Amino acid sequence: MACNPTLLTYGRYGALGFEFAGAVLAGIFLGRYLDSLWGTAPVLLVLGAVGGMAGALYRLIVFLQHLSHADQPHHDRKD
């Protein structure tokens, strides 16, 4: 069974979107939970959201760099 390259591309970007949303939501839920434990509301909630966004942004940059390197032709030199 052959794999459709268009569907594969959609799948990769869709997975990246879920990763992005998951990182932000994980930061929010973790911050909210820690706020409820330590009574620091909403400080850790905000820090968790910002941390989740920073992690998601980092992952996006790494993913785009990987795509950029994959699109460049490889020139093998023999010295």
Protein backbone atom coordinates (compact mmCIF):
# COMPACT_ATOMS: atom_id res chain seq x y z
CA MET A 1 0.00 0.00 0.00
CA ALA A 2 1.51 3.31 -1.12
CA CYS A 3 1.45 6.33 1.15
CA ASN A 4 0.03 9.57 -0.18
CA PRO A 5 2.63 12.35 0.39
CA THR A 6 -0.09 14.99 0.75
CA LEU A 7 -1.80 13.06 3.53
CA LEU A 8 1.55 12.47 5.21
CA THR A 9 2.22 16.22 5.20
CA TYR A 10 -1.22 16.95 6.63
CA GLY A 11 -0.62 14.34 9.31
CA ARG A 12 2.69 15.89 10.33
CA TYR A 13 1.25 19.38 10.62
CA GLY A 14 -1.81 18.08 12.43
CA ALA A 15 0.39 16.28 14.94
CA LEU A 16 2.39 19.47 15.43
CA GLY A 17 -0.83 21.35 16.17
CA PHE A 18 -1.84 18.79 18.79
CA GLU A 19 1.64 18.97 20.33
CA PHE A 20 1.39 22.75 20.52
CA ALA A 21 -2.03 22.67 22.14
CA GLY A 22 -1.04 19.85 24.47
CA ALA A 23 2.04 21.68 25.74
CA VAL A 24 0.05 24.83 26.51
CA LEU A 25 -2.79 22.90 28.17
CA ALA A 26 -0.35 20.81 30.21
CA GLY A 27 1.31 23.99 31.48
CA ILE A 28 -2.06 25.50 32.37
CA PHE A 29 -3.32 22.41 34.19
CA LEU A 30 -0.06 21.90 36.04
CA GLY A 31 0.03 25.55 37.09
CA ARG A 32 -3.58 25.43 38.22
CA TYR A 33 -2.96 22.26 40.22
CA LEU A 34 0.12 23.70 41.92
CA ASP A 35 -1.78 26.94 42.65
CA SER A 36 -4.47 24.92 44.41
CA LEU A 37 -1.85 23.09 46.47
CA TRP A 38 0.18 26.11 47.51
CA GLY A 39 -2.46 28.86 47.41
CA THR A 40 -0.55 31.03 44.97
CA ALA A 41 -3.38 31.59 42.46
CA PRO A 42 -3.02 32.72 39.67
CA VAL A 43 0.79 33.04 39.65
CA LEU A 44 1.66 29.44 38.77
CA LEU A 45 -1.23 29.20 36.33
CA VAL A 46 0.19 32.11 34.35
CA LEU A 47 3.74 30.78 34.62
CA GLY A 48 2.55 27.36 33.47
CA ALA A 49 0.76 28.85 30.48
CA VAL A 50 3.81 30.91 29.50
CA GLY A 51 6.10 27.92 30.02
CA GLY A 52 3.84 25.73 27.91
CA MET A 53 3.83 28.31 25.14
CA ALA A 54 7.62 28.62 25.30
CA GLY A 55 8.00 24.84 25.09
CA ALA A 56 5.57 24.66 22.19
CA LEU A 57 7.36 27.47 20.37
CA TYR A 58 10.70 25.72 20.88
CA ARG A 59 9.25 22.51 19.46
CA LEU A 60 7.87 24.43 16.47
CA ILE A 61 11.28 25.95 15.74
CA VAL A 62 12.99 22.55 15.95
CA PHE A 63 10.36 21.04 13.65
CA LEU A 64 10.72 23.83 11.07
CA GLN A 65 14.51 23.55 11.14
CA HIS A 66 14.18 19.83 10.53
CA LEU A 67 11.90 20.50 7.55
CA SER A 68 14.29 23.11 6.22
CA HIS A 69 17.23 20.71 6.34
CA ALA A 70 15.16 17.94 4.78
CA ASP A 71 14.28 20.16 1.79
CA GLN A 72 17.90 21.04 1.01
CA PRO A 73 19.66 18.80 -1.48
CA HIS A 74 22.47 16.69 -0.09
CA HIS A 75 25.80 16.92 -1.84
CA ASP A 76 28.11 14.11 -0.94
CA ARG A 77 31.74 14.93 -1.54
CA LYS A 78 34.46 12.39 -1.69
CA ASP A 79 37.75 13.85 -0.58
